N, C-alpha and C. Protein backbone atom coordinates (compact mmCIF):
# COMPACT_ATOMS: atom_id res chain seq x y z
N PRO A 1 -11.07 24.61 -10.39
CA PRO A 1 -11.34 23.55 -9.41
C PRO A 1 -10.23 22.50 -9.43
N ALA A 2 -10.03 21.89 -8.26
CA ALA A 2 -9.00 20.85 -8.13
C ALA A 2 -9.42 19.60 -8.88
N PRO A 3 -8.44 18.84 -9.38
CA PRO A 3 -8.78 17.58 -10.05
C PRO A 3 -9.41 16.62 -9.05
N PRO A 4 -10.26 15.68 -9.52
CA PRO A 4 -10.96 14.79 -8.60
C PRO A 4 -10.03 13.84 -7.85
N HIS A 5 -8.90 13.45 -8.44
CA HIS A 5 -7.97 12.54 -7.78
C HIS A 5 -6.58 13.14 -7.82
N ASP A 6 -6.10 13.58 -6.68
CA ASP A 6 -4.77 14.14 -6.59
C ASP A 6 -3.76 13.00 -6.50
N CYS A 7 -2.78 12.98 -7.34
CA CYS A 7 -1.76 11.95 -7.30
C CYS A 7 -0.43 12.60 -6.99
N THR A 8 0.06 12.40 -5.77
CA THR A 8 1.29 13.05 -5.35
C THR A 8 2.54 12.33 -5.84
N ILE A 9 2.38 11.18 -6.48
CA ILE A 9 3.53 10.44 -6.99
C ILE A 9 4.19 11.22 -8.11
N ILE A 10 3.38 11.80 -8.97
CA ILE A 10 3.90 12.58 -10.09
C ILE A 10 3.57 14.04 -9.83
N LYS A 11 4.56 14.84 -9.49
CA LYS A 11 4.30 16.24 -9.17
C LYS A 11 4.25 17.11 -10.42
N TYR A 12 5.00 16.74 -11.42
CA TYR A 12 4.98 17.49 -12.66
C TYR A 12 5.40 16.55 -13.78
N LEU A 13 5.06 16.91 -14.97
CA LEU A 13 5.43 16.10 -16.12
C LEU A 13 6.35 16.90 -17.02
N PRO A 14 7.57 16.43 -17.21
CA PRO A 14 8.46 17.13 -18.13
C PRO A 14 7.88 17.10 -19.54
N SER A 15 8.23 18.08 -20.33
CA SER A 15 7.68 18.15 -21.69
C SER A 15 8.09 16.95 -22.53
N SER A 16 9.13 16.22 -22.15
CA SER A 16 9.57 15.05 -22.92
C SER A 16 8.60 13.87 -22.78
N TYR A 17 7.72 13.90 -21.77
CA TYR A 17 6.75 12.82 -21.60
C TYR A 17 5.50 13.15 -22.40
N SER A 18 5.47 12.64 -23.62
CA SER A 18 4.42 13.05 -24.53
C SER A 18 3.40 11.98 -24.83
N ASN A 19 3.64 10.75 -24.46
CA ASN A 19 2.64 9.73 -24.74
C ASN A 19 2.45 8.81 -23.54
N MET A 20 1.48 7.91 -23.65
CA MET A 20 1.11 7.07 -22.53
C MET A 20 2.24 6.14 -22.09
N SER A 21 3.03 5.62 -23.01
CA SER A 21 4.11 4.73 -22.59
C SER A 21 5.16 5.50 -21.79
N ASP A 22 5.38 6.77 -22.12
CA ASP A 22 6.29 7.60 -21.34
C ASP A 22 5.74 7.82 -19.93
N LEU A 23 4.43 8.04 -19.82
CA LEU A 23 3.81 8.23 -18.51
C LEU A 23 3.93 6.97 -17.67
N LYS A 24 3.73 5.80 -18.29
CA LYS A 24 3.86 4.54 -17.57
C LYS A 24 5.31 4.36 -17.10
N ALA A 25 6.25 4.71 -17.95
CA ALA A 25 7.66 4.60 -17.58
C ALA A 25 7.99 5.53 -16.43
N LEU A 26 7.45 6.75 -16.44
CA LEU A 26 7.67 7.69 -15.35
C LEU A 26 7.06 7.17 -14.05
N LEU A 27 5.83 6.67 -14.12
CA LEU A 27 5.16 6.13 -12.94
C LEU A 27 5.95 4.95 -12.39
N ARG A 28 6.38 4.06 -13.27
CA ARG A 28 7.15 2.91 -12.81
C ARG A 28 8.46 3.37 -12.17
N SER A 29 9.11 4.34 -12.77
CA SER A 29 10.37 4.84 -12.23
C SER A 29 10.18 5.43 -10.84
N LYS A 30 9.18 6.27 -10.67
CA LYS A 30 8.95 6.92 -9.38
C LYS A 30 8.44 5.95 -8.33
N LEU A 31 7.40 5.20 -8.68
CA LEU A 31 6.71 4.36 -7.70
C LEU A 31 7.46 3.08 -7.42
N VAL A 32 7.78 2.35 -8.43
CA VAL A 32 8.34 1.02 -8.24
C VAL A 32 9.85 1.05 -8.07
N ASP A 33 10.53 1.65 -9.02
CA ASP A 33 11.99 1.60 -8.99
C ASP A 33 12.59 2.39 -7.82
N ARG A 34 11.96 3.47 -7.42
CA ARG A 34 12.50 4.27 -6.32
C ARG A 34 11.87 3.94 -4.97
N ILE A 35 10.55 4.03 -4.90
CA ILE A 35 9.87 3.91 -3.61
C ILE A 35 9.81 2.46 -3.14
N PHE A 36 9.24 1.57 -3.95
CA PHE A 36 9.12 0.18 -3.52
C PHE A 36 10.48 -0.44 -3.27
N LYS A 37 11.44 -0.11 -4.12
CA LYS A 37 12.78 -0.69 -3.98
C LYS A 37 13.39 -0.31 -2.63
N ALA A 38 13.13 0.88 -2.15
CA ALA A 38 13.65 1.31 -0.85
C ALA A 38 13.10 0.43 0.28
N TYR A 39 11.84 0.04 0.20
CA TYR A 39 11.26 -0.84 1.21
C TYR A 39 11.84 -2.24 1.10
N ILE A 40 11.96 -2.73 -0.11
CA ILE A 40 12.48 -4.08 -0.32
C ILE A 40 13.93 -4.19 0.11
N GLU A 41 14.68 -3.11 0.03
CA GLU A 41 16.07 -3.15 0.51
C GLU A 41 16.12 -3.34 2.02
N GLN A 42 15.06 -2.95 2.73
CA GLN A 42 15.00 -3.15 4.18
C GLN A 42 14.56 -4.56 4.54
N GLU A 43 13.72 -5.13 3.71
CA GLU A 43 13.14 -6.45 3.95
C GLU A 43 13.33 -7.28 2.68
N SER A 44 13.84 -8.49 2.81
CA SER A 44 14.11 -9.27 1.60
C SER A 44 12.84 -9.74 0.90
N HIS A 45 11.79 -10.01 1.67
CA HIS A 45 10.51 -10.44 1.09
C HIS A 45 9.38 -9.76 1.83
N MET A 46 8.35 -9.38 1.09
CA MET A 46 7.21 -8.67 1.68
C MET A 46 5.92 -9.06 0.99
N ILE A 47 4.83 -8.77 1.68
CA ILE A 47 3.49 -8.86 1.11
C ILE A 47 3.12 -7.47 0.64
N LEU A 48 2.50 -7.34 -0.51
CA LEU A 48 2.02 -6.05 -1.00
C LEU A 48 0.50 -6.04 -0.88
N VAL A 49 -0.02 -5.09 -0.12
CA VAL A 49 -1.47 -4.98 0.11
C VAL A 49 -1.97 -3.73 -0.61
N THR A 50 -2.98 -3.91 -1.45
CA THR A 50 -3.53 -2.80 -2.23
C THR A 50 -5.04 -2.76 -2.09
N ASP A 51 -5.63 -1.71 -2.62
CA ASP A 51 -7.09 -1.65 -2.75
C ASP A 51 -7.40 -1.60 -4.25
N GLU A 52 -8.64 -1.43 -4.60
CA GLU A 52 -9.02 -1.45 -6.02
C GLU A 52 -8.33 -0.35 -6.82
N GLN A 53 -8.29 0.85 -6.28
CA GLN A 53 -7.68 1.98 -7.00
C GLN A 53 -6.17 1.81 -7.16
N THR A 54 -5.48 1.46 -6.08
CA THR A 54 -4.02 1.34 -6.18
C THR A 54 -3.62 0.10 -6.97
N SER A 55 -4.44 -0.91 -6.97
CA SER A 55 -4.18 -2.08 -7.80
C SER A 55 -4.21 -1.70 -9.29
N ARG A 56 -5.14 -0.83 -9.65
CA ARG A 56 -5.21 -0.35 -11.04
C ARG A 56 -3.98 0.49 -11.38
N ILE A 57 -3.53 1.30 -10.44
CA ILE A 57 -2.32 2.11 -10.67
C ILE A 57 -1.13 1.19 -10.94
N LEU A 58 -0.96 0.19 -10.08
CA LEU A 58 0.15 -0.74 -10.27
C LEU A 58 0.02 -1.51 -11.58
N GLY A 59 -1.19 -1.98 -11.87
CA GLY A 59 -1.42 -2.75 -13.08
C GLY A 59 -1.11 -1.98 -14.35
N SER A 60 -1.17 -0.66 -14.26
CA SER A 60 -0.89 0.16 -15.44
C SER A 60 0.60 0.31 -15.73
N CYS A 61 1.44 -0.02 -14.75
CA CYS A 61 2.87 0.24 -14.95
C CYS A 61 3.80 -0.93 -14.66
N ILE A 62 3.29 -2.00 -14.06
CA ILE A 62 4.18 -3.13 -13.74
C ILE A 62 3.39 -4.43 -13.72
N SER A 63 4.06 -5.49 -14.10
CA SER A 63 3.42 -6.81 -14.12
C SER A 63 3.60 -7.50 -12.76
N LEU A 64 2.77 -8.50 -12.52
CA LEU A 64 2.89 -9.28 -11.29
C LEU A 64 4.24 -9.98 -11.24
N THR A 65 4.70 -10.45 -12.37
CA THR A 65 6.02 -11.09 -12.44
C THR A 65 7.12 -10.14 -11.99
N SER A 66 7.05 -8.89 -12.41
CA SER A 66 8.05 -7.91 -12.01
C SER A 66 7.98 -7.62 -10.51
N LEU A 67 6.77 -7.58 -9.95
CA LEU A 67 6.64 -7.37 -8.50
C LEU A 67 7.29 -8.52 -7.74
N ILE A 68 7.11 -9.73 -8.24
CA ILE A 68 7.72 -10.90 -7.61
C ILE A 68 9.24 -10.79 -7.69
N GLU A 69 9.75 -10.33 -8.82
CA GLU A 69 11.20 -10.15 -8.97
C GLU A 69 11.75 -9.12 -7.99
N TYR A 70 10.94 -8.14 -7.61
CA TYR A 70 11.36 -7.15 -6.62
C TYR A 70 11.41 -7.73 -5.22
N GLY A 71 10.71 -8.85 -4.99
CA GLY A 71 10.72 -9.47 -3.66
C GLY A 71 9.36 -9.54 -2.99
N PHE A 72 8.32 -9.13 -3.69
CA PHE A 72 6.97 -9.27 -3.13
C PHE A 72 6.52 -10.72 -3.36
N VAL A 73 6.16 -11.40 -2.29
CA VAL A 73 5.79 -12.81 -2.41
C VAL A 73 4.29 -13.00 -2.62
N ALA A 74 3.51 -11.96 -2.34
CA ALA A 74 2.06 -12.05 -2.56
C ALA A 74 1.49 -10.64 -2.73
N LEU A 75 0.44 -10.57 -3.51
CA LEU A 75 -0.32 -9.33 -3.68
C LEU A 75 -1.69 -9.60 -3.10
N GLN A 76 -2.09 -8.81 -2.10
CA GLN A 76 -3.36 -9.04 -1.42
C GLN A 76 -4.23 -7.80 -1.47
N ASP A 77 -5.53 -8.03 -1.54
CA ASP A 77 -6.53 -6.97 -1.58
C ASP A 77 -7.01 -6.70 -0.16
N ILE A 78 -6.90 -5.46 0.28
CA ILE A 78 -7.30 -5.11 1.64
C ILE A 78 -8.80 -5.33 1.88
N ASN A 79 -9.59 -5.37 0.81
CA ASN A 79 -11.03 -5.56 0.94
C ASN A 79 -11.44 -7.02 1.09
N LYS A 80 -10.48 -7.93 0.98
CA LYS A 80 -10.78 -9.36 1.09
C LYS A 80 -10.21 -9.93 2.37
N LYS A 81 -10.78 -11.06 2.80
CA LYS A 81 -10.29 -11.74 4.00
C LYS A 81 -8.88 -12.25 3.72
N ARG A 82 -7.99 -12.00 4.68
CA ARG A 82 -6.60 -12.41 4.55
C ARG A 82 -6.17 -13.15 5.80
N GLU A 83 -5.24 -14.07 5.66
CA GLU A 83 -4.72 -14.86 6.78
C GLU A 83 -3.49 -14.18 7.38
N ASN A 84 -3.23 -14.49 8.66
CA ASN A 84 -2.01 -13.99 9.31
C ASN A 84 -0.79 -14.59 8.62
N ILE A 85 0.18 -13.74 8.33
CA ILE A 85 1.44 -14.18 7.73
C ILE A 85 2.57 -13.50 8.49
N ASP A 86 3.52 -14.29 8.96
CA ASP A 86 4.64 -13.74 9.73
C ASP A 86 5.67 -13.17 8.75
N MET A 87 5.30 -12.06 8.15
CA MET A 87 6.14 -11.40 7.16
C MET A 87 5.71 -9.93 7.12
N PRO A 88 6.62 -9.03 6.81
CA PRO A 88 6.22 -7.62 6.73
C PRO A 88 5.35 -7.36 5.50
N ALA A 89 4.56 -6.31 5.60
CA ALA A 89 3.68 -5.92 4.50
C ALA A 89 3.90 -4.46 4.14
N LEU A 90 3.87 -4.21 2.85
CA LEU A 90 3.85 -2.84 2.34
C LEU A 90 2.43 -2.58 1.88
N TYR A 91 1.78 -1.62 2.52
CA TYR A 91 0.43 -1.22 2.12
C TYR A 91 0.55 -0.05 1.15
N PHE A 92 0.03 -0.22 -0.05
CA PHE A 92 -0.07 0.88 -1.01
C PHE A 92 -1.56 1.10 -1.21
N LEU A 93 -2.09 2.16 -0.59
CA LEU A 93 -3.54 2.35 -0.49
C LEU A 93 -3.97 3.74 -0.90
N SER A 94 -5.22 3.84 -1.31
CA SER A 94 -5.83 5.15 -1.52
C SER A 94 -6.27 5.66 -0.15
N PRO A 95 -6.26 6.96 0.07
CA PRO A 95 -6.53 7.50 1.41
C PRO A 95 -8.02 7.70 1.71
N LYS A 96 -8.84 6.79 1.28
CA LYS A 96 -10.28 6.86 1.57
C LYS A 96 -10.52 6.38 2.99
N ARG A 97 -11.47 6.99 3.65
CA ARG A 97 -11.74 6.67 5.06
C ARG A 97 -11.99 5.18 5.28
N ASP A 98 -12.80 4.53 4.45
CA ASP A 98 -13.10 3.11 4.66
C ASP A 98 -11.85 2.24 4.50
N ILE A 99 -10.94 2.64 3.62
CA ILE A 99 -9.69 1.89 3.42
C ILE A 99 -8.77 2.08 4.63
N VAL A 100 -8.70 3.30 5.15
CA VAL A 100 -7.87 3.58 6.33
C VAL A 100 -8.39 2.81 7.54
N VAL A 101 -9.70 2.70 7.68
CA VAL A 101 -10.29 1.93 8.77
C VAL A 101 -9.91 0.45 8.64
N LYS A 102 -9.94 -0.08 7.43
CA LYS A 102 -9.56 -1.49 7.22
C LYS A 102 -8.08 -1.70 7.55
N LEU A 103 -7.25 -0.75 7.21
CA LEU A 103 -5.83 -0.83 7.57
C LEU A 103 -5.68 -0.88 9.09
N ALA A 104 -6.37 0.00 9.79
CA ALA A 104 -6.28 0.03 11.26
C ALA A 104 -6.76 -1.30 11.86
N LYS A 105 -7.78 -1.90 11.27
CA LYS A 105 -8.30 -3.17 11.79
C LYS A 105 -7.30 -4.31 11.64
N ASP A 106 -6.39 -4.20 10.68
CA ASP A 106 -5.36 -5.23 10.52
C ASP A 106 -4.45 -5.30 11.74
N TYR A 107 -4.42 -4.25 12.55
CA TYR A 107 -3.51 -4.19 13.69
C TYR A 107 -4.23 -3.96 15.01
N GLU A 108 -5.51 -4.33 15.06
CA GLU A 108 -6.27 -4.24 16.30
C GLU A 108 -6.00 -5.46 17.17
N LYS A 109 -6.29 -5.29 18.44
CA LYS A 109 -6.18 -6.41 19.37
C LYS A 109 -7.43 -7.28 19.21
N TYR A 110 -7.23 -8.56 19.01
CA TYR A 110 -8.35 -9.50 18.90
C TYR A 110 -8.50 -10.22 20.23
N ASN A 111 -9.67 -10.12 20.83
CA ASN A 111 -9.94 -10.79 22.09
C ASN A 111 -11.03 -11.81 21.87
N ASN A 112 -10.75 -13.06 22.22
CA ASN A 112 -11.73 -14.12 22.03
C ASN A 112 -12.70 -14.21 23.20
N THR A 113 -12.28 -13.78 24.38
CA THR A 113 -13.14 -13.85 25.56
C THR A 113 -13.08 -12.53 26.32
N ASP A 114 -14.10 -12.28 27.10
CA ASP A 114 -14.12 -11.08 27.93
C ASP A 114 -13.04 -11.15 29.00
N ALA A 115 -12.67 -12.36 29.44
CA ALA A 115 -11.66 -12.52 30.49
C ALA A 115 -10.26 -12.17 29.98
N ASP A 116 -10.07 -12.19 28.68
CA ASP A 116 -8.74 -11.96 28.11
C ASP A 116 -8.68 -10.60 27.40
N LYS A 117 -9.14 -9.55 28.05
CA LYS A 117 -9.18 -8.23 27.43
C LYS A 117 -7.79 -7.66 27.19
N ASP A 118 -6.80 -8.10 27.92
CA ASP A 118 -5.44 -7.60 27.75
C ASP A 118 -4.55 -8.64 27.08
N GLY A 119 -5.12 -9.42 26.21
CA GLY A 119 -4.36 -10.46 25.51
C GLY A 119 -3.32 -9.87 24.58
N PRO A 120 -2.51 -10.74 23.99
CA PRO A 120 -1.45 -10.25 23.12
C PRO A 120 -2.01 -9.61 21.85
N LEU A 121 -1.23 -8.70 21.30
CA LEU A 121 -1.62 -8.04 20.06
C LEU A 121 -1.41 -9.02 18.91
N GLU A 122 -2.46 -9.31 18.18
CA GLU A 122 -2.37 -10.21 17.03
C GLU A 122 -2.58 -9.38 15.79
N CYS A 123 -1.62 -9.42 14.90
CA CYS A 123 -1.66 -8.63 13.68
C CYS A 123 -1.62 -9.57 12.48
N LEU A 124 -2.06 -9.05 11.36
CA LEU A 124 -2.01 -9.86 10.14
C LEU A 124 -0.58 -10.06 9.65
N TYR A 125 0.27 -9.08 9.85
CA TYR A 125 1.64 -9.14 9.34
C TYR A 125 2.61 -8.75 10.45
N SER A 126 3.88 -9.14 10.31
CA SER A 126 4.85 -8.87 11.37
C SER A 126 5.18 -7.38 11.50
N ARG A 127 5.22 -6.67 10.40
CA ARG A 127 5.47 -5.22 10.38
C ARG A 127 4.67 -4.62 9.24
N ALA A 128 4.46 -3.31 9.34
CA ALA A 128 3.71 -2.62 8.28
C ALA A 128 4.46 -1.38 7.82
N TYR A 129 4.51 -1.22 6.52
CA TYR A 129 4.98 0.00 5.88
C TYR A 129 3.78 0.51 5.09
N VAL A 130 3.43 1.77 5.29
CA VAL A 130 2.21 2.31 4.69
C VAL A 130 2.54 3.46 3.76
N MET A 131 1.99 3.38 2.58
CA MET A 131 2.18 4.43 1.58
C MET A 131 0.81 4.70 0.93
N PHE A 132 0.43 5.97 0.89
CA PHE A 132 -0.84 6.35 0.27
C PHE A 132 -0.60 6.92 -1.11
N SER A 133 -1.59 6.72 -1.98
CA SER A 133 -1.47 7.17 -3.37
C SER A 133 -1.60 8.68 -3.50
N SER A 134 -2.11 9.34 -2.49
CA SER A 134 -2.19 10.81 -2.48
C SER A 134 -2.24 11.28 -1.04
N GLY A 135 -2.20 12.59 -0.86
CA GLY A 135 -2.21 13.16 0.48
C GLY A 135 -3.48 12.80 1.22
N LYS A 136 -3.41 12.86 2.54
CA LYS A 136 -4.58 12.57 3.36
C LYS A 136 -4.66 13.56 4.50
N SER A 137 -5.80 13.63 5.10
CA SER A 137 -6.01 14.58 6.19
C SER A 137 -5.45 14.07 7.51
N HIS A 138 -5.17 14.98 8.43
CA HIS A 138 -4.64 14.62 9.73
C HIS A 138 -5.62 13.76 10.52
N SER A 139 -6.92 13.95 10.31
CA SER A 139 -7.90 13.15 11.04
C SER A 139 -7.81 11.67 10.66
N GLN A 140 -7.41 11.38 9.42
CA GLN A 140 -7.25 9.98 9.02
C GLN A 140 -6.02 9.36 9.67
N TYR A 141 -4.97 10.16 9.94
CA TYR A 141 -3.80 9.63 10.62
C TYR A 141 -4.18 9.13 12.01
N SER A 142 -5.10 9.81 12.68
CA SER A 142 -5.49 9.39 14.02
C SER A 142 -6.18 8.03 14.00
N THR A 143 -6.82 7.68 12.89
CA THR A 143 -7.46 6.37 12.77
C THR A 143 -6.40 5.28 12.81
N ILE A 144 -5.26 5.54 12.17
CA ILE A 144 -4.19 4.55 12.12
C ILE A 144 -3.46 4.46 13.45
N ALA A 145 -3.19 5.61 14.05
CA ALA A 145 -2.45 5.63 15.32
C ALA A 145 -3.26 4.95 16.38
């Protein structure tokens, strides 16, 4: 049977990774040093949006201070109320349906009156970069699109 949580960040473990600190170093190398750094090179400062599961993943391999040093100005929980910020956001999320729906809601059109049904698109962040902690189904992509 398949493992309960597929993690596509680490595809294989070399035999040299024999203890937990080595695993944390590998996770940090793959996730933070390679992937996050590529986004930060595009944007000088970003918001990092996580859920409970991905927050635990990050907490296991990097400190909040280190994330700030990379250029993340805030760490926000997708499950909590957040204010509009004119800054790009990197979403690092688990591919659960309820989380994907919350992501899509961050970029929905908000209409205050029935007369203004074609009002401007109001988003929480100026741009979004989305990364999932594991693979997801094609039906979940349609929720985002």
